[in-house]
Amino acid sequence: FVMPLSHDEVVHGKGSLINKMAGDEWQKFANLRTLLAYMLTRPGKKLLFMGTELAPWSEWNHEESLEWSLLRDDPRRAKLCEFVTRLAHLYRERPEFWRRDSEWDGFSWISADDRENSVLSYVRRDGEHHSIVVMNLTPVPRDNYRVGAPTLGAYREVLNSDSAEWGGSGQPTRARVMAQAAPFHGFPQSFELTLPPLSVLVLAPEQSA
């Protein structure tokens, strides 16, 4: 099955993906990075429609070229394009994001019901290898946010969509955390994170990060 952000989202009068995002311009870009990271880290093969990485305000037009000049003229769009490249590399580097897409043990929720904070978290697995994805879907940073973890020991951040490198706020996070014997979210161990605004964090056990 396919997880697409495809042709139907950006043509026939529907507007571009960046224009569909809520908030001011900074929040629109942050929301688009979050959406793209969600698509990549969820199960399903990926389909990204051409030009989405350029974040054009106008929808795709088959009579014209893609707006490549946006990469030259707007640093935000150049950084978004680099972020999409990093997502593709992360996907290729970590088989848990693609090897078991159609198997029940390739994905499990950590928490899907934190309505007060609008935070989602889940695990992607490939046998003994796994990554944890934590999404903060509000513009409010959250410190000391506890997340259940499948294993004890050190976890390292392998993706932060809020990094200044990609046009984010660059708010400091906890790039390395220790999962300790503190039961949470149905796991025997957990760790605490600092969640940047409108962001996706991906963490992996340190030995595989």
C-alpha atoms as a PDB file:
ATOM      1  CA  PHE A   1       0.000   0.000   0.000  1.00  0.00           C
ATOM      2  CA  VAL A   2       1.030   3.600  -0.556  1.00  0.00           C
ATOM      3  CA  MET A   3       1.234   6.645   1.718  1.00  0.00           C
ATOM      4  CA  PRO A   4       0.937   9.408  -0.918  1.00  0.00           C
ATOM      5  CA  LEU A   5       1.086  13.159  -0.939  1.00  0.00           C
ATOM      6  CA  SER A   6       0.225  13.057  -4.586  1.00  0.00           C
ATOM      7  CA  HIS A   7      -1.122  14.817  -7.659  1.00  0.00           C
ATOM      8  CA  ASP A   8      -4.629  15.034  -6.214  1.00  0.00           C
ATOM      9  CA  GLU A   9      -3.463  17.195  -3.312  1.00  0.00           C
ATOM     10  CA  VAL A  10      -1.907  19.947  -5.435  1.00  0.00           C
ATOM     11  CA  VAL A  11      -3.909  20.413  -8.648  1.00  0.00           C
ATOM     12  CA  HIS A  12      -7.431  21.161  -9.904  1.00  0.00           C
ATOM     13  CA  GLY A  13      -7.958  24.255  -7.758  1.00  0.00           C
ATOM     14  CA  LYS A  14      -6.938  22.694  -4.464  1.00  0.00           C
ATOM     15  CA  GLY A  15      -3.807  24.782  -3.931  1.00  0.00           C
ATOM     16  CA  SER A  16      -0.296  23.758  -2.943  1.00  0.00           C
ATOM     17  CA  LEU A  17       0.540  21.768   0.185  1.00  0.00           C
ATOM     18  CA  ILE A  18       2.376  24.698   1.803  1.00  0.00           C
ATOM     19  CA  ASN A  19      -0.747  26.832   1.324  1.00  0.00           C
ATOM     20  CA  LYS A  20      -2.892  24.207   3.046  1.00  0.00           C
ATOM     21  CA  MET A  21      -0.848  24.436   6.238  1.00  0.00           C
ATOM     22  CA  ALA A  22      -2.171  26.411   9.211  1.00  0.00           C
ATOM     23  CA  GLY A  23      -0.532  29.433  10.822  1.00  0.00           C
ATOM     24  CA  ASP A  24       1.881  32.139   9.721  1.00  0.00           C
ATOM     25  CA  GLU A  25       4.612  31.494   7.172  1.00  0.00           C
ATOM     26  CA  TRP A  26       7.051  30.006   9.703  1.00  0.00           C
ATOM     27  CA  GLN A  27       4.345  27.664  10.996  1.00  0.00           C
ATOM     28  CA  LYS A  28       3.359  26.678   7.460  1.00  0.00           C
ATOM     29  CA  PHE A  29       6.897  25.512   6.728  1.00  0.00           C
ATOM     30  CA  ALA A  30       7.145  23.762  10.107  1.00  0.00           C
ATOM     31  CA  ASN A  31       3.833  22.001   9.506  1.00  0.00           C
ATOM     32  CA  LEU A  32       4.925  20.889   6.037  1.00  0.00           C
ATOM     33  CA  ARG A  33       8.169  19.437   7.402  1.00  0.00           C
ATOM     34  CA  THR A  34       6.128  17.627  10.052  1.00  0.00           C
ATOM     35  CA  LEU A  35       3.711  16.241   7.471  1.00  0.00           C
ATOM     36  CA  LEU A  36       6.523  15.009   5.230  1.00  0.00           C
ATOM     37  CA  ALA A  37       8.308  13.346   8.156  1.00  0.00           C
ATOM     38  CA  TYR A  38       5.048  11.697   9.212  1.00  0.00           C
ATOM     39  CA  MET A  39       4.526  10.306   5.715  1.00  0.00           C
ATOM     40  CA  LEU A  40       8.043   8.900   5.611  1.00  0.00           C
ATOM     41  CA  THR A  41       8.047   7.294   9.060  1.00  0.00           C
ATOM     42  CA  ARG A  42       4.581   5.722   8.867  1.00  0.00           C
ATOM     43  CA  PRO A  43       4.079   2.349   7.149  1.00  0.00           C
ATOM     44  CA  GLY A  44       3.434   2.336   3.415  1.00  0.00           C
ATOM     45  CA  LYS A  45       5.507   3.045   0.340  1.00  0.00           C
ATOM     46  CA  LYS A  46       6.003   6.731  -0.365  1.00  0.00           C
ATOM     47  CA  LEU A  47       4.741   8.889  -3.206  1.00  0.00           C
ATOM     48  CA  LEU A  48       5.699  12.579  -3.176  1.00  0.00           C
ATOM     49  CA  PHE A  49       4.389  14.664  -6.038  1.00  0.00           C
ATOM     50  CA  MET A  50       6.950  16.611  -8.055  1.00  0.00           C
ATOM     51  CA  GLY A  51       7.652  20.099  -6.796  1.00  0.00           C
ATOM     52  CA  THR A  52       6.439  19.551  -3.238  1.00  0.00           C
ATOM     53  CA  GLU A  53      10.033  19.926  -2.024  1.00  0.00           C
ATOM     54  CA  LEU A  54      10.033  23.466  -3.487  1.00  0.00           C
ATOM     55  CA  ALA A  55       7.002  24.571  -1.398  1.00  0.00           C
ATOM     56  CA  PRO A  56       5.485  26.795  -4.103  1.00  0.00           C
ATOM     57  CA  TRP A  57       2.568  28.991  -3.060  1.00  0.00           C
ATOM     58  CA  SER A  58       0.799  28.209  -6.333  1.00  0.00           C
ATOM     59  CA  GLU A  59      -0.397  24.749  -7.294  1.00  0.00           C
ATOM     60  CA  TRP A  60       1.299  22.682  -9.982  1.00  0.00           C
ATOM     61  CA  ASN A  61       0.617  23.753 -13.556  1.00  0.00           C
ATOM     62  CA  HIS A  62       1.306  21.297 -16.372  1.00  0.00           C
ATOM     63  CA  GLU A  63       1.689  24.219 -18.800  1.00  0.00           C
ATOM     64  CA  GLU A  64       4.730  25.588 -16.952  1.00  0.00           C
ATOM     65  CA  SER A  65       8.032  24.454 -15.504  1.00  0.00           C
ATOM     66  CA  LEU A  66       8.448  23.793 -11.810  1.00  0.00           C
ATOM     67  CA  GLU A  67       9.517  26.919  -9.923  1.00  0.00           C
ATOM     68  CA  TRP A  68      13.186  25.987  -9.540  1.00  0.00           C
ATOM     69  CA  SER A  69      14.052  29.635  -8.958  1.00  0.00           C
ATOM     70  CA  LEU A  70      12.503  29.334  -5.484  1.00  0.00           C
ATOM     71  CA  LEU A  71      15.553  27.377  -4.341  1.00  0.00           C
ATOM     72  CA  ARG A  72      17.818  30.218  -5.437  1.00  0.00           C
ATOM     73  CA  ASP A  73      15.678  33.076  -4.199  1.00  0.00           C
ATOM     74  CA  ASP A  74      14.349  31.828  -0.860  1.00  0.00           C
ATOM     75  CA  PRO A  75      16.598  30.206   1.790  1.00  0.00           C
ATOM     76  CA  ARG A  76      13.540  28.670   3.493  1.00  0.00           C
ATOM     77  CA  ARG A  77      12.738  26.655   0.415  1.00  0.00           C
ATOM     78  CA  ALA A  78      16.336  25.624  -0.123  1.00  0.00           C
ATOM     79  CA  LYS A  79      16.398  24.316   3.457  1.00  0.00           C
ATOM     80  CA  LEU A  80      13.084  22.487   2.961  1.00  0.00           C
ATOM     81  CA  CYS A  81      14.509  20.793  -0.132  1.00  0.00           C
ATOM     82  CA  GLU A  82      17.558  19.733   1.889  1.00  0.00           C
ATOM     83  CA  PHE A  83      15.217  18.390   4.570  1.00  0.00           C
ATOM     84  CA  VAL A  84      13.399  16.226   2.014  1.00  0.00           C
ATOM     85  CA  THR A  85      16.818  14.917   0.921  1.00  0.00           C
ATOM     86  CA  ARG A  86      17.663  14.076   4.545  1.00  0.00           C
ATOM     87  CA  LEU A  87      14.333  12.245   4.913  1.00  0.00           C
ATOM     88  CA  ALA A  88      15.152  10.142   1.860  1.00  0.00           C
ATOM     89  CA  HIS A  89      18.585   9.282   3.276  1.00  0.00           C
ATOM     90  CA  LEU A  90      17.086   8.390   6.665  1.00  0.00           C
ATOM     91  CA  TYR A  91      14.582   6.114   4.941  1.00  0.00           C
ATOM     92  CA  ARG A  92      17.331   4.336   3.022  1.00  0.00           C
ATOM     93  CA  GLU A  93      19.631   4.059   6.048  1.00  0.00           C
ATOM     94  CA  ARG A  94      17.088   2.568   8.464  1.00  0.00           C
ATOM     95  CA  PRO A  95      15.266  -0.578   7.227  1.00  0.00           C
ATOM     96  CA  GLU A  96      12.696  -0.379  10.039  1.00  0.00           C
ATOM     97  CA  PHE A  97      11.022   2.372   8.003  1.00  0.00           C
ATOM     98  CA  TRP A  98      10.350   0.124   5.002  1.00  0.00           C
ATOM     99  CA  ARG A  99      11.163  -3.551   5.464  1.00  0.00           C
ATOM    100  CA  ARG A 100       8.034  -4.546   7.434  1.00  0.00           C
ATOM    101  CA  ASP A 101       5.472  -2.079   6.120  1.00  0.00           C
ATOM    102  CA  SER A 102       2.831  -4.757   5.623  1.00  0.00           C
ATOM    103  CA  GLU A 103       3.521  -6.764   8.797  1.00  0.00           C
ATOM    104  CA  TRP A 104       1.747  -6.136  12.089  1.00  0.00           C
ATOM    105  CA  ASP A 105       4.988  -6.089  14.100  1.00  0.00           C
ATOM    106  CA  GLY A 106       6.578  -3.365  11.933  1.00  0.00           C
ATOM    107  CA  PHE A 107       4.585  -0.583  13.620  1.00  0.00           C
ATOM    108  CA  SER A 108       3.057   0.050  17.027  1.00  0.00           C
ATOM    109  CA  TRP A 109       1.732   3.106  18.786  1.00  0.00           C
ATOM    110  CA  ILE A 110       3.441   4.347  21.919  1.00  0.00           C
ATOM    111  CA  SER A 111       0.778   6.984  22.536  1.00  0.00           C
ATOM    112  CA  ALA A 112      -2.075   8.087  20.289  1.00  0.00           C
ATOM    113  CA  ASP A 113      -4.361   9.644  22.901  1.00  0.00           C
ATOM    114  CA  ASP A 114      -2.510  12.635  24.376  1.00  0.00           C
ATOM    115  CA  ARG A 115      -5.195  15.144  23.447  1.00  0.00           C
ATOM    116  CA  GLU A 116      -4.055  17.753  25.976  1.00  0.00           C
ATOM    117  CA  ASN A 117      -0.616  18.111  24.405  1.00  0.00           C
ATOM    118  CA  SER A 118      -1.383  16.991  20.828  1.00  0.00           C
ATOM    119  CA  VAL A 119       1.634  14.679  20.838  1.00  0.00           C
ATOM    120  CA  LEU A 120       1.776  11.382  18.939  1.00  0.00           C
ATOM    121  CA  SER A 121       4.477   8.722  19.323  1.00  0.00           C
ATOM    122  CA  TYR A 122       5.097   5.340  17.739  1.00  0.00           C
ATOM    123  CA  VAL A 123       7.728   2.668  17.087  1.00  0.00           C
ATOM    124  CA  ARG A 124       8.920   1.316  13.734  1.00  0.00           C
ATOM    125  CA  ARG A 125      10.601  -2.102  13.923  1.00  0.00           C
ATOM    126  CA  ASP A 126      12.657  -4.448  11.826  1.00  0.00           C
ATOM    127  CA  GLY A 127      13.408  -7.450  14.023  1.00  0.00           C
ATOM    128  CA  GLU A 128      15.761  -6.290  16.772  1.00  0.00           C
ATOM    129  CA  HIS A 129      16.193  -2.838  15.213  1.00  0.00           C
ATOM    130  CA  HIS A 130      13.787  -0.005  15.914  1.00  0.00           C
ATOM    131  CA  SER A 131      13.263   3.762  15.860  1.00  0.00           C
ATOM    132  CA  ILE A 132      10.939   5.934  17.940  1.00  0.00           C
ATOM    133  CA  VAL A 133       9.005   8.807  16.337  1.00  0.00           C
ATOM    134  CA  VAL A 134       7.585  11.622  18.492  1.00  0.00           C
ATOM    135  CA  MET A 135       5.464  14.382  16.935  1.00  0.00           C
ATOM    136  CA  ASN A 136       4.531  17.652  18.644  1.00  0.00           C
ATOM    137  CA  LEU A 137       1.587  18.981  16.639  1.00  0.00           C
ATOM    138  CA  THR A 138       1.294  22.356  18.353  1.00  0.00           C
ATOM    139  CA  PRO A 139       3.461  25.516  18.263  1.00  0.00           C
ATOM    140  CA  VAL A 140       4.046  25.104  22.019  1.00  0.00           C
ATOM    141  CA  PRO A 141       7.439  23.619  23.051  1.00  0.00           C
ATOM    142  CA  ARG A 142       7.168  20.877  25.665  1.00  0.00           C
ATOM    143  CA  ASP A 143       9.915  20.142  28.161  1.00  0.00           C
ATOM    144  CA  ASN A 144      10.238  17.049  30.340  1.00  0.00           C
ATOM    145  CA  TYR A 145       7.885  15.099  28.090  1.00  0.00           C
ATOM    146  CA  ARG A 146       8.042  11.429  29.045  1.00  0.00           C
ATOM    147  CA  VAL A 147       7.868   8.687  26.399  1.00  0.00           C
ATOM    148  CA  GLY A 148       7.828   4.921  26.854  1.00  0.00           C
ATOM    149  CA  ALA A 149      10.713   3.057  25.229  1.00  0.00           C
ATOM    150  CA  PRO A 150      11.073  -0.559  24.047  1.00  0.00           C
ATOM    151  CA  THR A 151      14.562  -1.009  25.537  1.00  0.00           C
ATOM    152  CA  LEU A 152      16.793   0.284  28.312  1.00  0.00           C
ATOM    153  CA  GLY A 153      19.868   2.353  27.545  1.00  0.00           C
ATOM    154  CA  ALA A 154      20.888   5.322  25.436  1.00  0.00           C
ATOM    155  CA  TYR A 155      18.850   6.689  22.536  1.00  0.00           C
ATOM    156  CA  ARG A 156      20.213   9.257  20.109  1.00  0.00           C
ATOM    157  CA  GLU A 157      18.338  11.742  17.948  1.00  0.00           C
ATOM    158  CA  VAL A 158      18.683  10.882  14.256  1.00  0.00           C
ATOM    159  CA  LEU A 159      16.235  13.496  12.931  1.00  0.00           C
ATOM    160  CA  ASN A 160      14.884  16.773  14.278  1.00  0.00           C
ATOM    161  CA  SER A 161      12.590  18.578  11.856  1.00  0.00           C
ATOM    162  CA  ASP A 162      12.923  21.781  13.940  1.00  0.00           C
ATOM    163  CA  SER A 163      16.682  22.013  13.410  1.00  0.00           C
ATOM    164  CA  ALA A 164      17.864  25.403  12.141  1.00  0.00           C
ATOM    165  CA  GLU A 165      19.566  23.437   9.366  1.00  0.00           C
ATOM    166  CA  TRP A 166      16.115  22.807   7.880  1.00  0.00           C
ATOM    167  CA  GLY A 167      14.634  26.236   8.677  1.00  0.00           C
ATOM    168  CA  GLY A 168      13.285  25.383  12.128  1.00  0.00           C
ATOM    169  CA  SER A 169      13.591  27.363  15.342  1.00  0.00           C
ATOM    170  CA  GLY A 170      16.687  25.451  16.414  1.00  0.00           C
ATOM    171  CA  GLN A 171      15.377  25.098  19.945  1.00  0.00           C
ATOM    172  CA  PRO A 172      17.778  22.932  21.990  1.00  0.00           C
ATOM    173  CA  THR A 173      16.620  19.347  22.454  1.00  0.00           C
ATOM    174  CA  ARG A 174      18.009  16.351  24.284  1.00  0.00           C
ATOM    175  CA  ALA A 175      20.006  14.803  21.481  1.00  0.00           C
ATOM    176  CA  ARG A 176      20.976  11.869  23.704  1.00  0.00           C
ATOM    177  CA  VAL A 177      18.695  10.418  26.383  1.00  0.00           C
ATOM    178  CA  MET A 178      18.827   7.398  28.662  1.00  0.00           C
ATOM    179  CA  ALA A 179      15.827   5.088  28.877  1.00  0.00           C
ATOM    180  CA  GLN A 180      15.631   4.052  32.513  1.00  0.00           C
ATOM    181  CA  ALA A 181      13.464   1.674  34.507  1.00  0.00           C
ATOM    182  CA  ALA A 182      10.517   4.053  34.865  1.00  0.00           C
ATOM    183  CA  PRO A 183       7.381   2.350  33.481  1.00  0.00           C
ATOM    184  CA  PHE A 184       5.348   4.506  31.096  1.00  0.00           C
ATOM    185  CA  HIS A 185       3.052   4.025  28.092  1.00  0.00           C
ATOM    186  CA  GLY A 186       2.918   0.298  28.819  1.00  0.00           C
ATOM    187  CA  PHE A 187       6.713  -0.128  28.599  1.00  0.00           C
ATOM    188  CA  PRO A 188       8.954  -1.071  31.562  1.00  0.00           C
ATOM    189  CA  GLN A 189      11.275   1.857  30.721  1.00  0.00           C
ATOM    190  CA  SER A 190      11.021   5.449  29.478  1.00  0.00           C
ATOM    191  CA  PHE A 191      12.919   8.694  28.918  1.00  0.00           C
ATOM    192  CA  GLU A 192      12.180  12.421  28.948  1.00  0.00           C
ATOM    193  CA  LEU A 193      12.438  14.687  25.905  1.00  0.00           C
ATOM    194  CA  THR A 194      12.292  18.360  25.069  1.00  0.00           C
ATOM    195  CA  LEU A 195       9.853  18.664  22.161  1.00  0.00           C
ATOM    196  CA  PRO A 196      10.314  21.677  19.854  1.00  0.00           C
ATOM    197  CA  PRO A 197       7.242  23.381  18.365  1.00  0.00           C
ATOM    198  CA  LEU A 198       5.534  21.771  15.356  1.00  0.00           C
ATOM    199  CA  SER A 199       8.163  19.116  15.056  1.00  0.00           C
ATOM    200  CA  VAL A 200       9.050  15.477  14.538  1.00  0.00           C
ATOM    201  CA  LEU A 201      11.872  13.827  16.470  1.00  0.00           C
ATOM    202  CA  VAL A 202      13.222  10.420  15.471  1.00  0.00           C
ATOM    203  CA  LEU A 203      15.360   8.557  17.997  1.00  0.00           C
ATOM    204  CA  ALA A 204      17.197   5.255  17.718  1.00  0.00           C
ATOM    205  CA  PRO A 205      19.132   3.112  20.192  1.00  0.00           C
ATOM    206  CA  GLU A 206      22.628   4.531  20.317  1.00  0.00           C
ATOM    207  CA  GLN A 207      24.361   1.411  19.048  1.00  0.00           C
ATOM    208  CA  SER A 208      22.349   1.659  15.808  1.00  0.00           C
ATOM    209  CA  ALA A 209      22.009   5.440  15.536  1.00  0.00           C
END
